[in-house]
Amino acid sequence: MWTAATALFFMLLYVGGKIALHFLPTGLDPFRNTISDYVRTDFGVLSRAAGLANGTGMVFLLLAIEGSRGLAGISGAIPEMGVLALSRLALPFFPTDLTGSPRTATGAVHAVLAGVSFVAAAFAAQALAAHLTVLGARGSPGAVLSTLSGASFPLLILFALTLLIRPARRILGLVERLFLADLAALFIMLASLLAMR
């Protein structure tokens, strides 16, 4: 399925871009700073490009899921994936506000879009988890996908708590990275399975 293969390509670009940012002299602390903070560094173009790749990948994954309607139940994830795709596609156009800097309207929009995308991603993971065997995810791949989708809500709750509890914010970046890595692995595996159908 070409839409799933295209989704996989863009999601791998996203992951590669975000990993590369961690090896560049950005001055950010991966434990404290969020992934979105990279857009406010000298390497903001790479951060935005990776964000656009993520949004594009989510759009193509949504199209792949839509094209798989013959697979019983998988289309139940379409509303969540639609919200996720649109919010992820919009995020690079609304840079975040760095901690300690003045709050801006674009930063506020970014915060809302990020929150919407995080919640939509966790719900999409749960909706897809119920239909993993339909995708041919049996045995080890099924166990991995089930673990990844099952971890999404606990990691989202942990992220929210870390955001709300001021002393815990010193590990906000780490917790966010765990959540985003879980989702990236889940959606990359899902795209791979759909691409092989």
N, C-alpha and C. Protein backbone atom coordinates (compact mmCIF):
# COMPACT_ATOMS: atom_id res chain seq x y z
N MET A 1 0.86 -1.17 0.00
CA MET A 1 0.00 0.00 0.00
C MET A 1 0.91 1.24 0.00
N TRP A 2 0.84 2.01 -1.07
CA TRP A 2 1.77 3.13 -1.24
C TRP A 2 1.58 4.23 -0.20
N THR A 3 0.36 4.42 0.29
CA THR A 3 0.15 5.47 1.29
C THR A 3 0.86 5.11 2.60
N ALA A 4 0.84 3.83 2.96
CA ALA A 4 1.52 3.40 4.18
C ALA A 4 3.04 3.51 4.01
N ALA A 5 3.55 3.15 2.83
CA ALA A 5 4.98 3.27 2.57
C ALA A 5 5.43 4.73 2.62
N THR A 6 4.59 5.62 2.10
CA THR A 6 4.89 7.05 2.14
C THR A 6 4.86 7.56 3.58
N ALA A 7 3.88 7.10 4.35
CA ALA A 7 3.81 7.46 5.77
C ALA A 7 5.07 7.02 6.49
N LEU A 8 5.50 5.81 6.22
CA LEU A 8 6.71 5.27 6.85
C LEU A 8 7.93 6.13 6.49
N PHE A 9 8.06 6.50 5.23
CA PHE A 9 9.17 7.34 4.79
C PHE A 9 9.21 8.66 5.57
N PHE A 10 8.05 9.34 5.64
CA PHE A 10 8.02 10.64 6.33
C PHE A 10 8.22 10.50 7.84
N MET A 11 7.72 9.43 8.43
CA MET A 11 7.91 9.24 9.87
C MET A 11 9.37 8.95 10.19
N LEU A 12 10.04 8.22 9.31
CA LEU A 12 11.47 7.97 9.52
C LEU A 12 12.27 9.27 9.35
N LEU A 13 11.87 10.13 8.42
CA LEU A 13 12.51 11.45 8.30
C LEU A 13 12.34 12.25 9.59
N TYR A 14 11.13 12.22 10.13
CA TYR A 14 10.83 12.92 11.39
C TYR A 14 11.75 12.43 12.50
N VAL A 15 11.79 11.13 12.70
CA VAL A 15 12.60 10.56 13.78
C VAL A 15 14.08 10.88 13.55
N GLY A 16 14.55 10.73 12.31
CA GLY A 16 15.95 11.05 12.01
C GLY A 16 16.28 12.51 12.28
N GLY A 17 15.37 13.41 11.88
CA GLY A 17 15.59 14.84 12.13
C GLY A 17 15.63 15.18 13.60
N LYS A 18 14.71 14.61 14.35
CA LYS A 18 14.68 14.89 15.80
C LYS A 18 15.88 14.30 16.52
N ILE A 19 16.31 13.12 16.09
CA ILE A 19 17.51 12.53 16.70
C ILE A 19 18.73 13.40 16.38
N ALA A 20 18.84 13.84 15.14
CA ALA A 20 19.98 14.68 14.73
C ALA A 20 20.07 15.94 15.59
N LEU A 21 18.94 16.51 15.94
CA LEU A 21 18.94 17.73 16.75
C LEU A 21 19.62 17.52 18.11
N HIS A 22 19.58 16.30 18.62
CA HIS A 22 20.19 16.01 19.91
C HIS A 22 21.72 15.98 19.85
N PHE A 23 22.27 15.92 18.66
CA PHE A 23 23.72 15.86 18.49
C PHE A 23 24.29 17.19 18.01
N LEU A 24 23.44 18.18 17.87
CA LEU A 24 23.89 19.50 17.42
C LEU A 24 24.03 20.43 18.62
N PRO A 25 24.88 21.45 18.51
CA PRO A 25 25.11 22.37 19.64
C PRO A 25 23.94 23.35 19.83
N THR A 26 22.83 22.85 20.34
CA THR A 26 21.63 23.67 20.49
C THR A 26 21.59 24.42 21.82
N GLY A 27 22.35 23.94 22.80
CA GLY A 27 22.32 24.55 24.13
C GLY A 27 21.13 24.10 24.96
N LEU A 28 20.34 23.16 24.45
CA LEU A 28 19.16 22.69 25.19
C LEU A 28 19.50 21.45 26.01
N ASP A 29 18.77 21.29 27.08
CA ASP A 29 18.92 20.15 27.98
C ASP A 29 17.80 19.14 27.67
N PRO A 30 18.14 17.95 27.14
CA PRO A 30 17.11 16.98 26.76
C PRO A 30 16.26 16.50 27.93
N PHE A 31 16.75 16.66 29.15
CA PHE A 31 15.95 16.28 30.32
C PHE A 31 14.90 17.33 30.62
N ARG A 32 15.24 18.58 30.43
CA ARG A 32 14.35 19.68 30.81
C ARG A 32 13.56 20.24 29.62
N ASN A 33 14.23 20.48 28.51
CA ASN A 33 13.58 21.12 27.35
C ASN A 33 12.77 20.12 26.53
N THR A 34 11.65 20.60 26.02
CA THR A 34 10.81 19.74 25.19
C THR A 34 11.35 19.71 23.76
N ILE A 35 10.86 18.77 22.99
CA ILE A 35 11.26 18.63 21.58
C ILE A 35 10.93 19.91 20.81
N SER A 36 9.81 20.52 21.13
CA SER A 36 9.39 21.74 20.42
C SER A 36 10.35 22.90 20.63
N ASP A 37 11.12 22.87 21.71
CA ASP A 37 12.04 23.97 22.00
C ASP A 37 13.14 24.10 20.94
N TYR A 38 13.42 23.04 20.21
CA TYR A 38 14.47 23.09 19.19
C TYR A 38 14.17 24.11 18.10
N VAL A 39 12.91 24.43 17.90
CA VAL A 39 12.55 25.40 16.86
C VAL A 39 13.08 26.80 17.20
N ARG A 40 13.37 27.04 18.46
CA ARG A 40 13.87 28.35 18.91
C ARG A 40 15.40 28.40 18.97
N THR A 41 16.07 27.42 18.36
CA THR A 41 17.53 27.41 18.34
C THR A 41 18.01 27.77 16.94
N ASP A 42 19.33 27.78 16.76
CA ASP A 42 19.91 28.03 15.44
C ASP A 42 19.54 26.94 14.44
N PHE A 43 19.02 25.83 14.94
CA PHE A 43 18.66 24.69 14.08
C PHE A 43 17.15 24.55 13.96
N GLY A 44 16.47 25.67 14.11
CA GLY A 44 15.01 25.69 14.03
C GLY A 44 14.46 25.19 12.71
N VAL A 45 15.19 25.42 11.62
CA VAL A 45 14.74 24.97 10.30
C VAL A 45 14.66 23.44 10.27
N LEU A 46 15.66 22.77 10.84
CA LEU A 46 15.64 21.31 10.90
C LEU A 46 14.49 20.82 11.77
N SER A 47 14.25 21.52 12.87
CA SER A 47 13.15 21.14 13.76
C SER A 47 11.81 21.28 13.05
N ARG A 48 11.63 22.39 12.33
CA ARG A 48 10.37 22.58 11.59
C ARG A 48 10.21 21.56 10.47
N ALA A 49 11.30 21.27 9.77
CA ALA A 49 11.25 20.28 8.68
C ALA A 49 10.87 18.91 9.24
N ALA A 50 11.45 18.56 10.39
CA ALA A 50 11.10 17.27 11.01
C ALA A 50 9.64 17.27 11.45
N GLY A 51 9.18 18.40 11.97
CA GLY A 51 7.77 18.51 12.37
C GLY A 51 6.83 18.37 11.19
N LEU A 52 7.19 19.00 10.07
CA LEU A 52 6.37 18.87 8.86
C LEU A 52 6.39 17.43 8.33
N ALA A 53 7.54 16.77 8.44
CA ALA A 53 7.62 15.36 8.03
C ALA A 53 6.69 14.51 8.90
N ASN A 54 6.66 14.82 10.20
CA ASN A 54 5.77 14.08 11.10
C ASN A 54 4.31 14.29 10.72
N GLY A 55 3.92 15.54 10.51
CA GLY A 55 2.54 15.82 10.13
C GLY A 55 2.17 15.17 8.81
N THR A 56 3.09 15.23 7.84
CA THR A 56 2.85 14.62 6.54
C THR A 56 2.72 13.10 6.68
N GLY A 57 3.59 12.53 7.49
CA GLY A 57 3.52 11.08 7.74
C GLY A 57 2.20 10.68 8.36
N MET A 58 1.71 11.50 9.30
CA MET A 58 0.42 11.20 9.93
C MET A 58 -0.73 11.29 8.93
N VAL A 59 -0.65 12.26 8.01
CA VAL A 59 -1.69 12.38 6.97
C VAL A 59 -1.69 11.12 6.10
N PHE A 60 -0.51 10.68 5.68
CA PHE A 60 -0.45 9.47 4.84
C PHE A 60 -0.84 8.22 5.61
N LEU A 61 -0.53 8.18 6.91
CA LEU A 61 -0.97 7.02 7.71
C LEU A 61 -2.49 7.03 7.83
N LEU A 62 -3.07 8.20 8.00
CA LEU A 62 -4.53 8.31 8.02
C LEU A 62 -5.12 7.80 6.70
N LEU A 63 -4.51 8.19 5.57
CA LEU A 63 -4.99 7.72 4.27
C LEU A 63 -4.83 6.21 4.13
N ALA A 64 -3.75 5.67 4.68
CA ALA A 64 -3.54 4.22 4.64
C ALA A 64 -4.59 3.50 5.47
N ILE A 65 -4.92 4.05 6.62
CA ILE A 65 -5.96 3.44 7.46
C ILE A 65 -7.31 3.55 6.77
N GLU A 66 -7.57 4.71 6.18
CA GLU A 66 -8.82 4.90 5.44
C GLU A 66 -8.90 3.89 4.29
N GLY A 67 -7.79 3.65 3.62
CA GLY A 67 -7.76 2.70 2.52
C GLY A 67 -7.86 1.25 2.96
N SER A 68 -7.74 1.03 4.27
CA SER A 68 -7.83 -0.33 4.83
C SER A 68 -9.18 -0.61 5.43
N ARG A 69 -10.19 0.12 5.01
CA ARG A 69 -11.53 -0.05 5.61
C ARG A 69 -12.04 -1.48 5.53
N GLY A 70 -11.50 -2.25 4.59
CA GLY A 70 -11.90 -3.65 4.50
C GLY A 70 -11.43 -4.46 5.69
N LEU A 71 -10.48 -3.93 6.44
CA LEU A 71 -10.01 -4.61 7.64
C LEU A 71 -10.97 -4.28 8.78
N ALA A 72 -11.67 -5.26 9.23
CA ALA A 72 -12.72 -5.06 10.22
C ALA A 72 -12.22 -4.26 11.42
N GLY A 73 -12.87 -3.15 11.67
CA GLY A 73 -12.65 -2.38 12.88
C GLY A 73 -11.56 -1.35 12.83
N ILE A 74 -10.60 -1.46 11.91
CA ILE A 74 -9.48 -0.52 11.92
C ILE A 74 -9.94 0.91 11.66
N SER A 75 -11.03 1.06 10.92
CA SER A 75 -11.51 2.42 10.62
C SER A 75 -12.02 3.13 11.86
N GLY A 76 -12.16 2.41 12.97
CA GLY A 76 -12.56 3.05 14.22
C GLY A 76 -11.56 4.07 14.72
N ALA A 77 -10.33 3.99 14.21
CA ALA A 77 -9.27 4.92 14.63
C ALA A 77 -9.21 6.16 13.75
N ILE A 78 -10.05 6.23 12.72
CA ILE A 78 -9.96 7.34 11.77
C ILE A 78 -10.22 8.71 12.41
N PRO A 79 -11.22 8.88 13.27
CA PRO A 79 -11.41 10.22 13.86
C PRO A 79 -10.19 10.69 14.66
N GLU A 80 -9.64 9.81 15.49
CA GLU A 80 -8.47 10.17 16.29
C GLU A 80 -7.26 10.46 15.40
N MET A 81 -7.07 9.62 14.38
CA MET A 81 -5.94 9.83 13.47
C MET A 81 -6.11 11.12 12.68
N GLY A 82 -7.35 11.47 12.35
CA GLY A 82 -7.59 12.73 11.64
C GLY A 82 -7.21 13.93 12.48
N VAL A 83 -7.61 13.93 13.74
CA VAL A 83 -7.26 15.03 14.66
C VAL A 83 -5.74 15.07 14.85
N LEU A 84 -5.14 13.90 15.01
CA LEU A 84 -3.69 13.82 15.19
C LEU A 84 -2.97 14.37 13.96
N ALA A 85 -3.37 13.93 12.78
CA ALA A 85 -2.71 14.37 11.54
C ALA A 85 -2.81 15.87 11.36
N LEU A 86 -3.99 16.42 11.54
CA LEU A 86 -4.16 17.87 11.34
C LEU A 86 -3.39 18.69 12.37
N SER A 87 -3.43 18.26 13.63
CA SER A 87 -2.71 19.02 14.66
C SER A 87 -1.21 18.92 14.46
N ARG A 88 -0.72 17.75 14.09
CA ARG A 88 0.71 17.58 13.84
C ARG A 88 1.18 18.38 12.62
N LEU A 89 0.34 18.46 11.62
CA LEU A 89 0.68 19.22 10.43
C LEU A 89 0.73 20.72 10.73
N ALA A 90 -0.12 21.19 11.64
CA ALA A 90 -0.17 22.61 11.98
C ALA A 90 0.93 23.05 12.96
N LEU A 91 1.41 22.15 13.81
CA LEU A 91 2.36 22.52 14.86
C LEU A 91 3.60 23.28 14.39
N PRO A 92 4.26 22.89 13.31
CA PRO A 92 5.48 23.61 12.91
C PRO A 92 5.25 25.08 12.55
N PHE A 93 4.01 25.45 12.29
CA PHE A 93 3.71 26.84 11.92
C PHE A 93 3.45 27.74 13.13
N PHE A 94 3.45 27.13 14.33
CA PHE A 94 3.20 27.87 15.56
C PHE A 94 4.29 27.51 16.57
N PRO A 95 5.44 28.20 16.50
CA PRO A 95 6.55 27.88 17.40
C PRO A 95 6.17 28.06 18.87
N THR A 96 6.78 27.24 19.68
CA THR A 96 6.54 27.27 21.11
C THR A 96 7.24 28.47 21.76
N ASP A 97 6.84 28.79 22.97
CA ASP A 97 7.54 29.79 23.78
C ASP A 97 8.49 29.05 24.71
N LEU A 98 9.75 29.48 24.76
CA LEU A 98 10.70 28.87 25.67
C LEU A 98 10.36 29.26 27.10
N THR A 99 10.67 28.36 28.02
CA THR A 99 10.46 28.63 29.44
C THR A 99 11.23 29.90 29.83
N GLY A 100 10.54 30.79 30.51
CA GLY A 100 11.15 32.03 30.95
C GLY A 100 11.05 33.16 29.96
N SER A 101 10.63 32.88 28.73
CA SER A 101 10.48 33.94 27.75
C SER A 101 9.05 34.46 27.78
N PRO A 102 8.81 35.66 27.26
CA PRO A 102 7.45 36.20 27.25
C PRO A 102 6.50 35.29 26.47
N ARG A 103 5.28 35.20 26.93
CA ARG A 103 4.26 34.38 26.27
C ARG A 103 3.75 35.10 25.03
N THR A 104 3.54 34.32 23.96
CA THR A 104 3.04 34.89 22.71
C THR A 104 1.78 34.15 22.27
N ALA A 105 1.07 34.75 21.32
CA ALA A 105 -0.13 34.11 20.79
C ALA A 105 0.23 32.82 20.05
N THR A 106 1.33 32.84 19.29
CA THR A 106 1.71 31.62 18.57
C THR A 106 2.12 30.52 19.55
N GLY A 107 2.77 30.90 20.62
CA GLY A 107 3.13 29.92 21.65
C GLY A 107 1.91 29.30 22.30
N ALA A 108 0.88 30.12 22.52
CA ALA A 108 -0.37 29.60 23.10
C ALA A 108 -1.05 28.63 22.14
N VAL A 109 -1.06 28.98 20.86
CA VAL A 109 -1.64 28.08 19.85
C VAL A 109 -0.85 26.78 19.81
N HIS A 110 0.47 26.89 19.88
CA HIS A 110 1.32 25.70 19.90
C HIS A 110 0.95 24.79 21.07
N ALA A 111 0.80 25.38 22.25
CA ALA A 111 0.47 24.58 23.44
C ALA A 111 -0.86 23.84 23.26
N VAL A 112 -1.85 24.51 22.69
CA VAL A 112 -3.16 23.87 22.47
C VAL A 112 -3.02 22.75 21.44
N LEU A 113 -2.34 23.03 20.32
CA LEU A 113 -2.16 22.02 19.28
C LEU A 113 -1.38 20.81 19.81
N ALA A 114 -0.34 21.07 20.59
CA ALA A 114 0.44 19.97 21.15
C ALA A 114 -0.42 19.12 22.09
N GLY A 115 -1.20 19.78 22.94
CA GLY A 115 -2.08 19.04 23.84
C GLY A 115 -3.09 18.21 23.09
N VAL A 116 -3.71 18.80 22.07
CA VAL A 116 -4.69 18.08 21.25
C VAL A 116 -4.02 16.90 20.57
N SER A 117 -2.83 17.11 20.02
CA SER A 117 -2.16 16.02 19.30
C SER A 117 -1.74 14.90 20.25
N PHE A 118 -1.30 15.23 21.46
CA PHE A 118 -0.91 14.21 22.42
C PHE A 118 -2.11 13.35 22.82
N VAL A 119 -3.22 14.01 23.12
CA VAL A 119 -4.42 13.26 23.53
C VAL A 119 -4.95 12.43 22.37
N ALA A 120 -5.01 13.03 21.17
CA ALA A 120 -5.48 12.29 19.99
C ALA A 120 -4.59 11.08 19.70
N ALA A 121 -3.29 11.24 19.86
CA ALA A 121 -2.36 10.13 19.61
C ALA A 121 -2.60 8.99 20.59
N ALA A 122 -2.80 9.32 21.87
CA ALA A 122 -3.05 8.28 22.87
C ALA A 122 -4.36 7.55 22.58
N PHE A 123 -5.40 8.30 22.21
CA PHE A 123 -6.68 7.67 21.87
C PHE A 123 -6.56 6.84 20.59
N ALA A 124 -5.82 7.33 19.60
CA ALA A 124 -5.62 6.58 18.35
C ALA A 124 -4.88 5.27 18.64
N ALA A 125 -3.88 5.34 19.52
CA ALA A 125 -3.13 4.13 19.88
C ALA A 125 -4.05 3.10 20.50
N GLN A 126 -4.95 3.55 21.37
CA GLN A 126 -5.89 2.62 21.99
C GLN A 126 -6.88 2.05 20.98
N ALA A 127 -7.37 2.90 20.08
CA ALA A 127 -8.33 2.44 19.07
C ALA A 127 -7.68 1.42 18.14
N LEU A 128 -6.42 1.64 17.79
CA LEU A 128 -5.71 0.72 16.89
C LEU A 128 -5.33 -0.57 17.61
N ALA A 129 -5.04 -0.47 18.90
CA ALA A 129 -4.61 -1.65 19.66
C ALA A 129 -5.67 -2.74 19.66
N ALA A 130 -6.91 -2.35 19.62
CA ALA A 130 -8.00 -3.33 19.65
C ALA A 130 -8.06 -4.16 18.37
N HIS A 131 -7.34 -3.72 17.33
CA HIS A 131 -7.45 -4.39 16.02
C HIS A 131 -6.10 -4.82 15.46
N LEU A 132 -5.14 -5.07 16.33
CA LEU A 132 -3.80 -5.42 15.85
C LEU A 132 -3.78 -6.74 15.10
N THR A 133 -4.57 -7.72 15.53
CA THR A 133 -4.55 -9.01 14.84
C THR A 133 -5.12 -8.89 13.43
N VAL A 134 -6.02 -7.94 13.22
CA VAL A 134 -6.57 -7.70 11.88
C VAL A 134 -5.46 -7.27 10.93
N LEU A 135 -4.48 -6.57 11.47
CA LEU A 135 -3.36 -6.08 10.65
C LEU A 135 -2.29 -7.14 10.43
N GLY A 136 -2.51 -8.31 10.97
CA GLY A 136 -1.51 -9.36 10.83
C GLY A 136 -0.44 -9.26 11.89
N ALA A 137 -0.69 -8.50 12.93
CA ALA A 137 0.29 -8.32 14.00
C ALA A 137 0.12 -9.41 15.04
N ARG A 138 0.63 -10.57 14.72
CA ARG A 138 0.56 -11.71 15.64
C ARG A 138 1.97 -12.01 16.14
N GLY A 139 2.05 -12.75 17.21
CA GLY A 139 3.35 -13.13 17.74
C GLY A 139 4.11 -11.93 18.28
N SER A 140 5.41 -11.89 18.03
CA SER A 140 6.27 -10.83 18.56
C SER A 140 5.85 -9.43 18.11
N PRO A 141 5.57 -9.20 16.79
CA PRO A 141 5.13 -7.85 16.40
C PRO A 141 3.86 -7.42 17.13
N GLY A 142 2.93 -8.35 17.28
CA GLY A 142 1.69 -8.03 17.98
C GLY A 142 1.94 -7.67 19.43
N ALA A 143 2.85 -8.41 20.08
CA ALA A 143 3.18 -8.13 21.48
C ALA A 143 3.84 -6.76 21.62
N VAL A 144 4.74 -6.45 20.68
CA VAL A 144 5.42 -5.14 20.73
C VAL A 144 4.40 -4.02 20.52
N LEU A 145 3.55 -4.15 19.50
CA LEU A 145 2.54 -3.13 19.23
C LEU A 145 1.57 -2.98 20.39
N SER A 146 1.21 -4.08 20.98
CA SER A 146 0.29 -4.03 22.13
C SER A 146 0.95 -3.31 23.31
N THR A 147 2.22 -3.58 23.54
CA THR A 147 2.95 -2.92 24.62
C THR A 147 3.06 -1.42 24.35
N LEU A 148 3.41 -1.07 23.11
CA LEU A 148 3.56 0.35 22.76
C LEU A 148 2.23 1.09 22.90
N SER A 149 1.16 0.50 22.40
CA SER A 149 -0.15 1.18 22.50
C SER A 149 -0.61 1.23 23.95
N GLY A 150 -0.32 0.19 24.71
CA GLY A 150 -0.71 0.19 26.13
C GLY A 150 0.05 1.20 26.96
N ALA A 151 1.25 1.55 26.53
CA ALA A 151 2.07 2.52 27.28
C ALA A 151 1.67 3.96 27.01
N SER A 152 0.91 4.21 25.96
CA SER A 152 0.64 5.59 25.55
C SER A 152 -0.12 6.39 26.61
N PHE A 153 -1.17 5.83 27.19
CA PHE A 153 -1.92 6.60 28.19
C PHE A 153 -1.15 6.81 29.48
N PRO A 154 -0.50 5.77 30.03
CA PRO A 154 0.31 6.03 31.23
C PRO A 154 1.40 7.09 31.00
N LEU A 155 2.03 7.06 29.82
CA LEU A 155 3.06 8.06 29.53
C LEU A 155 2.45 9.45 29.35
N LEU A 156 1.26 9.52 28.77
CA LEU A 156 0.58 10.81 28.64
C LEU A 156 0.22 11.38 30.01
N ILE A 157 -0.26 10.54 30.90
CA ILE A 157 -0.60 10.98 32.26
C ILE A 157 0.67 11.42 33.00
N LEU A 158 1.74 10.66 32.84
CA LEU A 158 3.01 11.04 33.47
C LEU A 158 3.49 12.39 32.93
N PHE A 159 3.35 12.61 31.63
CA PHE A 159 3.74 13.89 31.04
C PHE A 159 2.90 15.03 31.64
N ALA A 160 1.60 14.82 31.72
CA ALA A 160 0.71 15.86 32.27
C ALA A 160 1.09 16.17 33.72
N LEU A 161 1.37 15.15 34.51
CA LEU A 161 1.76 15.37 35.91
C LEU A 161 3.09 16.12 35.99
N THR A 162 4.01 15.75 35.12
CA THR A 162 5.32 16.42 35.10
C THR A 162 5.16 17.88 34.71
N LEU A 163 4.24 18.16 33.84
CA LEU A 163 3.97 19.54 33.42
C LEU A 163 3.32 20.34 34.55
N LEU A 164 2.44 19.70 35.30
CA LEU A 164 1.69 20.39 36.34
C LEU A 164 2.46 20.56 37.65
N ILE A 165 3.33 19.64 37.96
CA ILE A 165 4.08 19.68 39.23
C ILE A 165 5.42 20.38 38.97
N ARG A 166 5.52 21.60 39.45
CA ARG A 166 6.67 22.45 39.12
C ARG A 166 8.03 21.79 39.38
N PRO A 167 8.28 21.15 40.53
CA PRO A 167 9.61 20.53 40.72
C PRO A 167 9.91 19.42 39.71
N ALA A 168 8.87 18.78 39.20
CA ALA A 168 9.07 17.68 38.25
C ALA A 168 9.41 18.18 36.85
N ARG A 169 9.26 19.46 36.61
CA ARG A 169 9.51 19.99 35.27
C ARG A 169 10.96 19.86 34.84
N ARG A 170 11.85 19.61 35.77
CA ARG A 170 13.25 19.43 35.37
C ARG A 170 13.47 18.15 34.57
N ILE A 171 12.45 17.26 34.55
CA ILE A 171 12.53 16.07 33.69
C ILE A 171 11.41 16.05 32.65
N LEU A 172 10.80 17.21 32.42
CA LEU A 172 9.71 17.31 31.45
C LEU A 172 10.14 16.84 30.06
N GLY A 173 11.32 17.26 29.61
CA GLY A 173 11.81 16.87 28.30
C GLY A 173 12.00 15.37 28.18
N LEU A 174 12.53 14.76 29.23
CA LEU A 174 12.74 13.32 29.23
C LEU A 174 11.41 12.56 29.12
N VAL A 175 10.43 12.96 29.92
CA VAL A 175 9.13 12.30 29.92
C VAL A 175 8.45 12.48 28.56
N GLU A 176 8.53 13.70 28.00
CA GLU A 176 7.94 13.93 26.69
C GLU A 176 8.61 13.05 25.64
N ARG A 177 9.93 12.93 25.70
CA ARG A 177 10.64 12.10 24.73
C ARG A 177 10.23 10.64 24.83
N LEU A 178 10.01 10.15 26.05
CA LEU A 178 9.54 8.77 26.22
C LEU A 178 8.18 8.59 25.55
N PHE A 179 7.29 9.54 25.77
CA PHE A 179 5.94 9.48 25.18
C PHE A 179 6.02 9.53 23.66
N LEU A 180 6.78 10.48 23.12
CA LEU A 180 6.89 10.63 21.68
C LEU A 180 7.61 9.46 21.03
N ALA A 181 8.62 8.90 21.71
CA ALA A 181 9.32 7.73 21.17
C ALA A 181 8.38 6.53 21.12
N ASP A 182 7.56 6.37 22.15
CA ASP A 182 6.58 5.29 22.17
C ASP A 182 5.63 5.41 20.98
N LEU A 183 5.11 6.62 20.76
CA LEU A 183 4.17 6.84 19.65
C LEU A 183 4.85 6.66 18.30
N ALA A 184 6.07 7.18 18.17
CA ALA A 184 6.78 7.06 16.90
C ALA A 184 7.01 5.58 16.56
N ALA A 185 7.45 4.81 17.54
CA ALA A 185 7.67 3.38 17.31
C ALA A 185 6.36 2.68 16.92
N LEU A 186 5.29 3.01 17.61
CA LEU A 186 3.98 2.42 17.31
C LEU A 186 3.54 2.73 15.88
N PHE A 187 3.59 4.02 15.51
CA PHE A 187 3.10 4.40 14.19
C PHE A 187 4.03 3.94 13.07
N ILE A 188 5.33 3.85 13.34
CA ILE A 188 6.25 3.31 12.34
C ILE A 188 5.98 1.82 12.11
N MET A 189 5.76 1.09 13.19
CA MET A 189 5.44 -0.34 13.04
C MET A 189 4.11 -0.53 12.32
N LEU A 190 3.12 0.31 12.66
CA LEU A 190 1.81 0.22 12.01
C LEU A 190 1.93 0.51 10.52
N ALA A 191 2.67 1.55 10.17
CA ALA A 191 2.87 1.88 8.75
C ALA A 191 3.58 0.74 8.03
N SER A 192 4.55 0.13 8.70
CA SER A 192 5.27 -1.00 8.10
C SER A 192 4.32 -2.16 7.82
N LEU A 193 3.47 -2.48 8.79
CA LEU A 193 2.51 -3.58 8.59
C LEU A 193 1.54 -3.28 7.45
N LEU A 194 1.05 -2.04 7.41
CA LEU A 194 0.11 -1.67 6.34
C LEU A 194 0.81 -1.66 4.98
N ALA A 195 2.07 -1.24 4.95
CA ALA A 195 2.82 -1.20 3.69
C ALA A 195 3.04 -2.59 3.12
N MET A 196 3.10 -3.59 3.99
CA MET A 196 3.36 -4.97 3.53
C MET A 196 2.06 -5.69 3.10
N ARG A 197 0.92 -5.07 3.27
CA ARG A 197 -0.36 -5.74 2.93
C ARG A 197 -0.56 -5.74 1.43
